[in-house]
């Protein structure tokens, strides 16, 4: 079954849009993980040590105070959203409508 997302993204989005789109993608199960060194330590969602529902719960509790933005380490035009809440560190970005997780860890 192919899942279609109901949103499209502009080049740059702020916290509220990023949060909404990330939650929608997580709920639909349409997200990816960027391959990187120490992925099983830095991305507990990828490793299976944290569930999608747990990540949704963490992101739902975040507000603008928990959010910062950085440029991607290799693609400067890509905005990386960083959430820090309750000891959790979550980094994600979008390419078009595709959600990629860089980090999900404590």
PDB file of N, CA and C in Angstrom:
ATOM      1  N   UNK A   1       0.842  -1.178   0.000  1.00  0.00           N
ATOM      2  CA  UNK A   1       0.000   0.000   0.000  1.00  0.00           C
ATOM      3  C   UNK A   1       0.889   1.244   0.000  1.00  0.00           C
ATOM      4  N   UNK A   2       0.619   2.161  -0.865  1.00  0.00           N
ATOM      5  CA  UNK A   2       1.367   3.416  -0.936  1.00  0.00           C
ATOM      6  C   UNK A   2       0.626   4.457  -0.122  1.00  0.00           C
ATOM      7  N   UNK A   3       1.347   5.105   0.774  1.00  0.00           N
ATOM      8  CA  UNK A   3       0.738   6.145   1.601  1.00  0.00           C
ATOM      9  C   UNK A   3       1.082   7.496   1.022  1.00  0.00           C
ATOM     10  N   UNK A   4       0.092   8.317   0.871  1.00  0.00           N
ATOM     11  CA  UNK A   4       0.289   9.660   0.352  1.00  0.00           C
ATOM     12  C   UNK A   4       0.196  10.648   1.503  1.00  0.00           C
ATOM     13  N   UNK A   5       1.082  11.581   1.526  1.00  0.00           N
ATOM     14  CA  UNK A   5       1.020  12.634   2.530  1.00  0.00           C
ATOM     15  C   UNK A   5       0.117  13.744   2.030  1.00  0.00           C
ATOM     16  N   UNK A   6      -0.533  14.408   2.958  1.00  0.00           N
ATOM     17  CA  UNK A   6      -1.461  15.475   2.585  1.00  0.00           C
ATOM     18  C   UNK A   6      -0.796  16.843   2.557  1.00  0.00           C
ATOM     19  N   UNK A   7       0.518  16.892   2.651  1.00  0.00           N
ATOM     20  CA  UNK A   7       1.173  18.190   2.687  1.00  0.00           C
ATOM     21  C   UNK A   7       2.273  18.275   1.644  1.00  0.00           C
ATOM     22  N   UNK A   8       2.623  19.498   1.331  1.00  0.00           N
ATOM     23  CA  UNK A   8       3.813  19.775   0.536  1.00  0.00           C
ATOM     24  C   UNK A   8       4.587  20.836   1.295  1.00  0.00           C
ATOM     25  N   UNK A   9       5.874  20.882   1.085  1.00  0.00           N
ATOM     26  CA  UNK A   9       6.709  21.803   1.845  1.00  0.00           C
ATOM     27  C   UNK A   9       7.339  22.857   0.956  1.00  0.00           C
ATOM     28  N   UNK A  10       7.474  24.053   1.534  1.00  0.00           N
ATOM     29  CA  UNK A  10       8.229  25.121   0.888  1.00  0.00           C
ATOM     30  C   UNK A  10       9.709  24.834   1.124  1.00  0.00           C
ATOM     31  N   UNK A  11      10.552  25.733   0.659  1.00  0.00           N
ATOM     32  CA  UNK A  11      11.982  25.548   0.857  1.00  0.00           C
ATOM     33  C   UNK A  11      12.361  25.574   2.330  1.00  0.00           C
ATOM     34  N   UNK A  12      11.779  26.483   3.112  1.00  0.00           N
ATOM     35  CA  UNK A  12      12.128  26.597   4.531  1.00  0.00           C
ATOM     36  C   UNK A  12      10.852  26.736   5.338  1.00  0.00           C
ATOM     37  N   UNK A  13      10.784  25.963   6.409  1.00  0.00           N
ATOM     38  CA  UNK A  13       9.615  26.028   7.282  1.00  0.00           C
ATOM     39  C   UNK A  13      10.072  26.268   8.706  1.00  0.00           C
ATOM     40  N   UNK A  14       9.205  26.824   9.510  1.00  0.00           N
ATOM     41  CA  UNK A  14       9.509  27.087  10.902  1.00  0.00           C
ATOM     42  C   UNK A  14       9.112  25.927  11.802  1.00  0.00           C
ATOM     43  N   UNK A  15       9.212  26.171  13.101  1.00  0.00           N
ATOM     44  CA  UNK A  15       8.973  25.123  14.085  1.00  0.00           C
ATOM     45  C   UNK A  15       7.578  24.520  13.993  1.00  0.00           C
ATOM     46  N   UNK A  16       6.548  25.350  13.973  1.00  0.00           N
ATOM     47  CA  UNK A  16       5.179  24.817  13.999  1.00  0.00           C
ATOM     48  C   UNK A  16       4.894  23.919  12.802  1.00  0.00           C
ATOM     49  N   UNK A  17       5.311  24.359  11.621  1.00  0.00           N
ATOM     50  CA  UNK A  17       5.100  23.533  10.426  1.00  0.00           C
ATOM     51  C   UNK A  17       5.940  22.263  10.481  1.00  0.00           C
ATOM     52  N   UNK A  18       7.195  22.389  10.904  1.00  0.00           N
ATOM     53  CA  UNK A  18       8.071  21.217  10.987  1.00  0.00           C
ATOM     54  C   UNK A  18       7.499  20.200  11.969  1.00  0.00           C
ATOM     55  N   UNK A  19       7.025  20.676  13.102  1.00  0.00           N
ATOM     56  CA  UNK A  19       6.432  19.785  14.101  1.00  0.00           C
ATOM     57  C   UNK A  19       5.211  19.083  13.523  1.00  0.00           C
ATOM     58  N   UNK A  20       4.330  19.848  12.916  1.00  0.00           N
ATOM     59  CA  UNK A  20       3.100  19.275  12.357  1.00  0.00           C
ATOM     60  C   UNK A  20       3.419  18.235  11.280  1.00  0.00           C
ATOM     61  N   UNK A  21       4.331  18.556  10.376  1.00  0.00           N
ATOM     62  CA  UNK A  21       4.670  17.633   9.293  1.00  0.00           C
ATOM     63  C   UNK A  21       5.397  16.393   9.821  1.00  0.00           C
ATOM     64  N   UNK A  22       6.271  16.576  10.814  1.00  0.00           N
ATOM     65  CA  UNK A  22       6.975  15.426  11.393  1.00  0.00           C
ATOM     66  C   UNK A  22       5.990  14.486  12.078  1.00  0.00           C
ATOM     67  N   UNK A  23       5.050  15.047  12.837  1.00  0.00           N
ATOM     68  CA  UNK A  23       4.057  14.209  13.513  1.00  0.00           C
ATOM     69  C   UNK A  23       3.193  13.457  12.506  1.00  0.00           C
ATOM     70  N   UNK A  24       2.798  14.136  11.449  1.00  0.00           N
ATOM     71  CA  UNK A  24       1.983  13.483  10.419  1.00  0.00           C
ATOM     72  C   UNK A  24       2.751  12.335   9.771  1.00  0.00           C
ATOM     73  N   UNK A  25       4.012  12.573   9.421  1.00  0.00           N
ATOM     74  CA  UNK A  25       4.821  11.528   8.790  1.00  0.00           C
ATOM     75  C   UNK A  25       5.032  10.349   9.735  1.00  0.00           C
ATOM     76  N   UNK A  26       5.285  10.631  11.012  1.00  0.00           N
ATOM     77  CA  UNK A  26       5.457   9.556  11.992  1.00  0.00           C
ATOM     78  C   UNK A  26       4.175   8.742  12.139  1.00  0.00           C
ATOM     79  N   UNK A  27       3.046   9.422  12.226  1.00  0.00           N
ATOM     80  CA  UNK A  27       1.770   8.722  12.370  1.00  0.00           C
ATOM     81  C   UNK A  27       1.467   7.853  11.155  1.00  0.00           C
ATOM     82  N   UNK A  28       1.883   8.307   9.978  1.00  0.00           N
ATOM     83  CA  UNK A  28       1.653   7.551   8.744  1.00  0.00           C
ATOM     84  C   UNK A  28       2.727   6.486   8.510  1.00  0.00           C
ATOM     85  N   UNK A  29       3.825   6.573   9.260  1.00  0.00           N
ATOM     86  CA  UNK A  29       4.919   5.624   9.082  1.00  0.00           C
ATOM     87  C   UNK A  29       5.750   5.876   7.841  1.00  0.00           C
ATOM     88  N   UNK A  30       5.770   7.131   7.394  1.00  0.00           N
ATOM     89  CA  UNK A  30       6.522   7.475   6.180  1.00  0.00           C
ATOM     90  C   UNK A  30       7.684   8.402   6.536  1.00  0.00           C
ATOM     91  N   UNK A  31       8.766   7.807   6.985  1.00  0.00           N
ATOM     92  CA  UNK A  31       9.968   8.557   7.336  1.00  0.00           C
ATOM     93  C   UNK A  31      11.173   7.666   7.082  1.00  0.00           C
ATOM     94  N   UNK A  32      12.343   8.313   7.031  1.00  0.00           N
ATOM     95  CA  UNK A  32      13.586   7.600   6.767  1.00  0.00           C
ATOM     96  C   UNK A  32      14.628   8.012   7.801  1.00  0.00           C
ATOM     97  N   UNK A  33      15.735   7.291   7.788  1.00  0.00           N
ATOM     98  CA  UNK A  33      16.847   7.600   8.685  1.00  0.00           C
ATOM     99  C   UNK A  33      18.084   7.854   7.837  1.00  0.00           C
ATOM    100  N   UNK A  34      18.780   8.941   8.140  1.00  0.00           N
ATOM    101  CA  UNK A  34      20.030   9.199   7.429  1.00  0.00           C
ATOM    102  C   UNK A  34      21.087   8.240   7.945  1.00  0.00           C
ATOM    103  N   UNK A  35      21.755   7.571   7.028  1.00  0.00           N
ATOM    104  CA  UNK A  35      22.826   6.654   7.399  1.00  0.00           C
ATOM    105  C   UNK A  35      24.006   7.478   7.888  1.00  0.00           C
ATOM    106  N   UNK A  36      24.534   7.096   9.037  1.00  0.00           N
ATOM    107  CA  UNK A  36      25.649   7.837   9.623  1.00  0.00           C
ATOM    108  C   UNK A  36      26.416   6.941  10.568  1.00  0.00           C
ATOM    109  N   UNK A  37      27.583   7.407  10.995  1.00  0.00           N
ATOM    110  CA  UNK A  37      28.365   6.667  11.980  1.00  0.00           C
ATOM    111  C   UNK A  37      27.589   6.584  13.286  1.00  0.00           C
ATOM    112  N   UNK A  38      27.736   5.506  13.994  1.00  0.00           N
ATOM    113  CA  UNK A  38      27.108   5.293  15.303  1.00  0.00           C
ATOM    114  C   UNK A  38      25.586   5.432  15.238  1.00  0.00           C
ATOM    115  N   UNK A  39      24.980   4.990  14.136  1.00  0.00           N
ATOM    116  CA  UNK A  39      23.534   5.177  13.968  1.00  0.00           C
ATOM    117  C   UNK A  39      22.739   4.479  15.067  1.00  0.00           C
ATOM    118  N   UNK A  40      23.206   3.316  15.538  1.00  0.00           N
ATOM    119  CA  UNK A  40      22.452   2.611  16.572  1.00  0.00           C
ATOM    120  C   UNK A  40      22.542   3.288  17.936  1.00  0.00           C
ATOM    121  N   UNK A  41      23.558   4.120  18.145  1.00  0.00           N
ATOM    122  CA  UNK A  41      23.669   4.888  19.387  1.00  0.00           C
ATOM    123  C   UNK A  41      22.997   6.248  19.262  1.00  0.00           C
ATOM    124  N   UNK A  42      23.125   6.859  18.104  1.00  0.00           N
ATOM    125  CA  UNK A  42      22.610   8.215  17.894  1.00  0.00           C
ATOM    126  C   UNK A  42      21.157   8.231  17.441  1.00  0.00           C
ATOM    127  N   UNK A  43      20.650   7.104  16.933  1.00  0.00           N
ATOM    128  CA  UNK A  43      19.274   7.065  16.450  1.00  0.00           C
ATOM    129  C   UNK A  43      18.574   5.835  17.024  1.00  0.00           C
ATOM    130  N   UNK A  44      18.026   6.009  18.222  1.00  0.00           N
ATOM    131  CA  UNK A  44      17.365   4.902  18.914  1.00  0.00           C
ATOM    132  C   UNK A  44      16.071   4.486  18.236  1.00  0.00           C
ATOM    133  N   UNK A  45      15.471   5.365  17.451  1.00  0.00           N
ATOM    134  CA  UNK A  45      14.292   4.990  16.669  1.00  0.00           C
ATOM    135  C   UNK A  45      14.701   3.982  15.598  1.00  0.00           C
ATOM    136  N   UNK A  46      15.789   4.252  14.913  1.00  0.00           N
ATOM    137  CA  UNK A  46      16.308   3.322  13.906  1.00  0.00           C
ATOM    138  C   UNK A  46      16.691   1.992  14.542  1.00  0.00           C
ATOM    139  N   UNK A  47      17.313   2.030  15.711  1.00  0.00           N
ATOM    140  CA  UNK A  47      17.767   0.815  16.389  1.00  0.00           C
ATOM    141  C   UNK A  47      16.612   0.002  16.967  1.00  0.00           C
ATOM    142  N   UNK A  48      15.432   0.607  17.072  1.00  0.00           N
ATOM    143  CA  UNK A  48      14.288  -0.086  17.654  1.00  0.00           C
ATOM    144  C   UNK A  48      14.220   0.009  19.165  1.00  0.00           C
ATOM    145  N   UNK A  49      15.067   0.843  19.756  1.00  0.00           N
ATOM    146  CA  UNK A  49      15.083   1.004  21.212  1.00  0.00           C
ATOM    147  C   UNK A  49      14.037   1.991  21.706  1.00  0.00           C
ATOM    148  N   UNK A  50      13.442   2.738  20.802  1.00  0.00           N
ATOM    149  CA  UNK A  50      12.349   3.660  21.117  1.00  0.00           C
ATOM    150  C   UNK A  50      11.318   3.497  19.995  1.00  0.00           C
ATOM    151  N   UNK A  51      10.046   3.569  20.348  1.00  0.00           N
ATOM    152  CA  UNK A  51       8.987   3.364  19.357  1.00  0.00           C
ATOM    153  C   UNK A  51       8.595   4.675  18.686  1.00  0.00           C
ATOM    154  N   UNK A  52       7.926   4.533  17.572  1.00  0.00           N
ATOM    155  CA  UNK A  52       7.387   5.702  16.877  1.00  0.00           C
ATOM    156  C   UNK A  52       6.454   6.470  17.801  1.00  0.00           C
ATOM    157  N   UNK A  53       5.634   5.748  18.554  1.00  0.00           N
ATOM    158  CA  UNK A  53       4.692   6.394  19.472  1.00  0.00           C
ATOM    159  C   UNK A  53       5.419   7.206  20.540  1.00  0.00           C
ATOM    160  N   UNK A  54       6.545   6.695  21.031  1.00  0.00           N
ATOM    161  CA  UNK A  54       7.323   7.440  22.026  1.00  0.00           C
ATOM    162  C   UNK A  54       7.893   8.724  21.424  1.00  0.00           C
ATOM    163  N   UNK A  55       8.379   8.652  20.196  1.00  0.00           N
ATOM    164  CA  UNK A  55       8.921   9.840  19.534  1.00  0.00           C
ATOM    165  C   UNK A  55       7.800  10.849  19.289  1.00  0.00           C
ATOM    166  N   UNK A  56       6.639  10.375  18.873  1.00  0.00           N
ATOM    167  CA  UNK A  56       5.483  11.259  18.696  1.00  0.00           C
ATOM    168  C   UNK A  56       5.174  11.973  20.002  1.00  0.00           C
ATOM    169  N   UNK A  57       5.168  11.240  21.105  1.00  0.00           N
ATOM    170  CA  UNK A  57       4.863  11.823  22.414  1.00  0.00           C
ATOM    171  C   UNK A  57       5.871  12.902  22.794  1.00  0.00           C
ATOM    172  N   UNK A  58       7.136  12.663  22.532  1.00  0.00           N
ATOM    173  CA  UNK A  58       8.177  13.655  22.843  1.00  0.00           C
ATOM    174  C   UNK A  58       7.975  14.910  21.994  1.00  0.00           C
ATOM    175  N   UNK A  59       7.782  14.724  20.695  1.00  0.00           N
ATOM    176  CA  UNK A  59       7.620  15.868  19.792  1.00  0.00           C
ATOM    177  C   UNK A  59       6.360  16.656  20.132  1.00  0.00           C
ATOM    178  N   UNK A  60       5.278  15.964  20.483  1.00  0.00           N
ATOM    179  CA  UNK A  60       4.036  16.660  20.851  1.00  0.00           C
ATOM    180  C   UNK A  60       4.242  17.590  22.044  1.00  0.00           C
ATOM    181  N   UNK A  61       5.138  17.228  22.961  1.00  0.00           N
ATOM    182  CA  UNK A  61       5.384  18.037  24.159  1.00  0.00           C
ATOM    183  C   UNK A  61       6.334  19.209  23.906  1.00  0.00           C
ATOM    184  N   UNK A  62       6.920  19.265  22.729  1.00  0.00           N
ATOM    185  CA  UNK A  62       7.862  20.343  22.411  1.00  0.00           C
ATOM    186  C   UNK A  62       7.124  21.608  21.992  1.00  0.00           C
ATOM    187  N   UNK A  63       7.721  22.735  22.367  1.00  0.00           N
ATOM    188  CA  UNK A  63       7.250  24.023  21.863  1.00  0.00           C
ATOM    189  C   UNK A  63       8.468  24.764  21.313  1.00  0.00           C
ATOM    190  N   UNK A  64       8.280  26.002  20.924  1.00  0.00           N
ATOM    191  CA  UNK A  64       9.359  26.765  20.306  1.00  0.00           C
ATOM    192  C   UNK A  64      10.605  26.907  21.158  1.00  0.00           C
ATOM    193  N   UNK A  65      10.458  26.856  22.480  1.00  0.00           N
ATOM    194  CA  UNK A  65      11.631  26.954  23.361  1.00  0.00           C
ATOM    195  C   UNK A  65      12.529  25.727  23.263  1.00  0.00           C
ATOM    196  N   UNK A  66      11.982  24.621  22.814  1.00  0.00           N
ATOM    197  CA  UNK A  66      12.744  23.374  22.712  1.00  0.00           C
ATOM    198  C   UNK A  66      13.366  23.184  21.331  1.00  0.00           C
ATOM    199  N   UNK A  67      13.187  24.164  20.452  1.00  0.00           N
ATOM    200  CA  UNK A  67      13.557  24.033  19.040  1.00  0.00           C
ATOM    201  C   UNK A  67      14.682  24.979  18.652  1.00  0.00           C
ATOM    202  N   UNK A  68      15.622  24.460  17.877  1.00  0.00           N
ATOM    203  CA  UNK A  68      16.627  25.280  17.203  1.00  0.00           C
ATOM    204  C   UNK A  68      16.765  24.749  15.778  1.00  0.00           C
ATOM    205  N   UNK A  69      17.419  25.536  14.946  1.00  0.00           N
ATOM    206  CA  UNK A  69      17.659  25.142  13.558  1.00  0.00           C
ATOM    207  C   UNK A  69      19.136  25.264  13.250  1.00  0.00           C
ATOM    208  N   UNK A  70      19.620  24.359  12.424  1.00  0.00           N
ATOM    209  CA  UNK A  70      20.985  24.396  11.915  1.00  0.00           C
ATOM    210  C   UNK A  70      20.950  24.031  10.441  1.00  0.00           C
ATOM    211  N   UNK A  71      22.028  24.325   9.753  1.00  0.00           N
ATOM    212  CA  UNK A  71      22.174  23.832   8.387  1.00  0.00           C
ATOM    213  C   UNK A  71      22.671  22.397   8.441  1.00  0.00           C
ATOM    214  N   UNK A  72      22.268  21.604   7.471  1.00  0.00           N
ATOM    215  CA  UNK A  72      22.738  20.224   7.369  1.00  0.00           C
ATOM    216  C   UNK A  72      24.257  20.237   7.207  1.00  0.00           C
ATOM    217  N   UNK A  73      24.937  19.228   7.756  1.00  0.00           N
ATOM    218  CA  UNK A  73      26.402  19.205   7.750  1.00  0.00           C
ATOM    219  C   UNK A  73      27.017  19.044   6.362  1.00  0.00           C
ATOM    220  N   UNK A  74      26.275  18.513   5.395  1.00  0.00           N
ATOM    221  CA  UNK A  74      26.836  18.392   4.042  1.00  0.00           C
ATOM    222  C   UNK A  74      26.022  19.122   2.977  1.00  0.00           C
ATOM    223  N   UNK A  75      24.769  19.448   3.279  1.00  0.00           N
ATOM    224  CA  UNK A  75      23.911  20.153   2.316  1.00  0.00           C
ATOM    225  C   UNK A  75      23.410  21.418   3.001  1.00  0.00           C
ATOM    226  N   UNK A  76      24.156  22.493   2.866  1.00  0.00           N
ATOM    227  CA  UNK A  76      23.877  23.718   3.623  1.00  0.00           C
ATOM    228  C   UNK A  76      22.482  24.280   3.379  1.00  0.00           C
ATOM    229  N   UNK A  77      21.898  24.009   2.237  1.00  0.00           N
ATOM    230  CA  UNK A  77      20.560  24.539   1.933  1.00  0.00           C
ATOM    231  C   UNK A  77      19.449  23.822   2.697  1.00  0.00           C
ATOM    232  N   UNK A  78      19.768  22.685   3.312  1.00  0.00           N
ATOM    233  CA  UNK A  78      18.767  21.909   4.055  1.00  0.00           C
ATOM    234  C   UNK A  78      18.775  22.338   5.518  1.00  0.00           C
ATOM    235  N   UNK A  79      17.605  22.702   6.027  1.00  0.00           N
ATOM    236  CA  UNK A  79      17.458  23.099   7.427  1.00  0.00           C
ATOM    237  C   UNK A  79      17.227  21.866   8.289  1.00  0.00           C
ATOM    238  N   UNK A  80      18.039  21.728   9.329  1.00  0.00           N
ATOM    239  CA  UNK A  80      17.883  20.637  10.289  1.00  0.00           C
ATOM    240  C   UNK A  80      17.186  21.197  11.520  1.00  0.00           C
ATOM    241  N   UNK A  81      16.112  20.548  11.922  1.00  0.00           N
ATOM    242  CA  UNK A  81      15.353  20.940  13.109  1.00  0.00           C
ATOM    243  C   UNK A  81      15.854  20.116  14.286  1.00  0.00           C
ATOM    244  N   UNK A  82      16.174  20.792  15.383  1.00  0.00           N
ATOM    245  CA  UNK A  82      16.703  20.140  16.571  1.00  0.00           C
ATOM    246  C   UNK A  82      15.734  20.390  17.716  1.00  0.00           C
ATOM    247  N   UNK A  83      15.286  19.305  18.342  1.00  0.00           N
ATOM    248  CA  UNK A  83      14.394  19.392  19.495  1.00  0.00           C
ATOM    249  C   UNK A  83      15.097  18.810  20.706  1.00  0.00           C
ATOM    250  N   UNK A  84      15.065  19.546  21.814  1.00  0.00           N
ATOM    251  CA  UNK A  84      15.635  19.075  23.078  1.00  0.00           C
ATOM    252  C   UNK A  84      14.554  19.190  24.134  1.00  0.00           C
ATOM    253  N   UNK A  85      14.115  18.041  24.633  1.00  0.00           N
ATOM    254  CA  UNK A  85      13.027  18.029  25.617  1.00  0.00           C
ATOM    255  C   UNK A  85      13.189  16.825  26.535  1.00  0.00           C
ATOM    256  N   UNK A  86      13.109  17.054  27.842  1.00  0.00           N
ATOM    257  CA  UNK A  86      13.147  15.978  28.842  1.00  0.00           C
ATOM    258  C   UNK A  86      14.356  15.062  28.659  1.00  0.00           C
ATOM    259  N   UNK A  87      15.491  15.642  28.308  1.00  0.00           N
ATOM    260  CA  UNK A  87      16.708  14.862  28.117  1.00  0.00           C
ATOM    261  C   UNK A  87      16.839  14.226  26.742  1.00  0.00           C
ATOM    262  N   UNK A  88      15.815  14.347  25.914  1.00  0.00           N
ATOM    263  CA  UNK A  88      15.848  13.789  24.560  1.00  0.00           C
ATOM    264  C   UNK A  88      16.432  14.797  23.576  1.00  0.00           C
ATOM    265  N   UNK A  89      17.118  14.274  22.583  1.00  0.00           N
ATOM    266  CA  UNK A  89      17.731  15.059  21.516  1.00  0.00           C
ATOM    267  C   UNK A  89      17.256  14.457  20.198  1.00  0.00           C
ATOM    268  N   UNK A  90      16.470  15.221  19.440  1.00  0.00           N
ATOM    269  CA  UNK A  90      15.898  14.734  18.189  1.00  0.00           C
ATOM    270  C   UNK A  90      16.277  15.700  17.074  1.00  0.00           C
ATOM    271  N   UNK A  91      16.926  15.181  16.040  1.00  0.00           N
ATOM    272  CA  UNK A  91      17.313  15.986  14.876  1.00  0.00           C
ATOM    273  C   UNK A  91      16.668  15.383  13.643  1.00  0.00           C
ATOM    274  N   UNK A  92      16.003  16.249  12.862  1.00  0.00           N
ATOM    275  CA  UNK A  92      15.367  15.778  11.639  1.00  0.00           C
ATOM    276  C   UNK A  92      15.345  16.886  10.604  1.00  0.00           C
ATOM    277  N   UNK A  93      15.122  16.496   9.367  1.00  0.00           N
ATOM    278  CA  UNK A  93      15.019  17.464   8.276  1.00  0.00           C
ATOM    279  C   UNK A  93      14.103  16.904   7.204  1.00  0.00           C
ATOM    280  N   UNK A  94      13.743  17.774   6.291  1.00  0.00           N
ATOM    281  CA  UNK A  94      12.886  17.394   5.174  1.00  0.00           C
ATOM    282  C   UNK A  94      13.613  17.649   3.862  1.00  0.00           C
ATOM    283  N   UNK A  95      13.451  16.740   2.928  1.00  0.00           N
ATOM    284  CA  UNK A  95      13.840  16.952   1.540  1.00  0.00           C
ATOM    285  C   UNK A  95      12.548  16.782   0.761  1.00  0.00           C
ATOM    286  N   UNK A  96      12.029  17.892   0.258  1.00  0.00           N
ATOM    287  CA  UNK A  96      10.674  17.865  -0.303  1.00  0.00           C
ATOM    288  C   UNK A  96       9.708  17.542   0.822  1.00  0.00           C
ATOM    289  N   UNK A  97       8.930  16.497   0.640  1.00  0.00           N
ATOM    290  CA  UNK A  97       8.001  16.082   1.699  1.00  0.00           C
ATOM    291  C   UNK A  97       8.536  14.898   2.492  1.00  0.00           C
ATOM    292  N   UNK A  98       9.756  14.447   2.187  1.00  0.00           N
ATOM    293  CA  UNK A  98      10.327  13.289   2.871  1.00  0.00           C
ATOM    294  C   UNK A  98      11.001  13.705   4.176  1.00  0.00           C
ATOM    295  N   UNK A  99      10.651  13.009   5.252  1.00  0.00           N
ATOM    296  CA  UNK A  99      11.215  13.258   6.580  1.00  0.00           C
ATOM    297  C   UNK A  99      12.391  12.319   6.811  1.00  0.00           C
ATOM    298  N   UNK A 100      13.516  12.886   7.241  1.00  0.00           N
ATOM    299  CA  UNK A 100      14.707  12.112   7.571  1.00  0.00           C
ATOM    300  C   UNK A 100      15.105  12.405   9.013  1.00  0.00           C
ATOM    301  N   UNK A 101      15.358  11.349   9.791  1.00  0.00           N
ATOM    302  CA  UNK A 101      15.864  11.515  11.148  1.00  0.00           C
ATOM    303  C   UNK A 101      17.373  11.330  11.145  1.00  0.00           C
ATOM    304  N   UNK A 102      18.067  12.274  11.776  1.00  0.00           N
ATOM    305  CA  UNK A 102      19.509  12.175  11.993  1.00  0.00           C
ATOM    306  C   UNK A 102      19.802  11.565  13.359  1.00  0.00           C
ATOM    307  N   UNK A 103      19.068  12.025  14.377  1.00  0.00           N
ATOM    308  CA  UNK A 103      19.324  11.597  15.754  1.00  0.00           C
ATOM    309  C   UNK A 103      18.026  11.498  16.534  1.00  0.00           C
ATOM    310  N   UNK A 104      17.937  10.466  17.344  1.00  0.00           N
ATOM    311  CA  UNK A 104      16.880  10.334  18.347  1.00  0.00           C
ATOM    312  C   UNK A 104      17.550   9.622  19.517  1.00  0.00           C
ATOM    313  N   UNK A 105      17.987  10.387  20.520  1.00  0.00           N
ATOM    314  CA  UNK A 105      18.676   9.757  21.654  1.00  0.00           C
ATOM    315  C   UNK A 105      18.597  10.639  22.887  1.00  0.00           C
ATOM    316  N   UNK A 106      18.959  10.056  24.016  1.00  0.00           N
ATOM    317  CA  UNK A 106      19.033  10.789  25.283  1.00  0.00           C
ATOM    318  C   UNK A 106      20.461  11.177  25.535  1.00  0.00           C
TER     319      UNK A 106
END
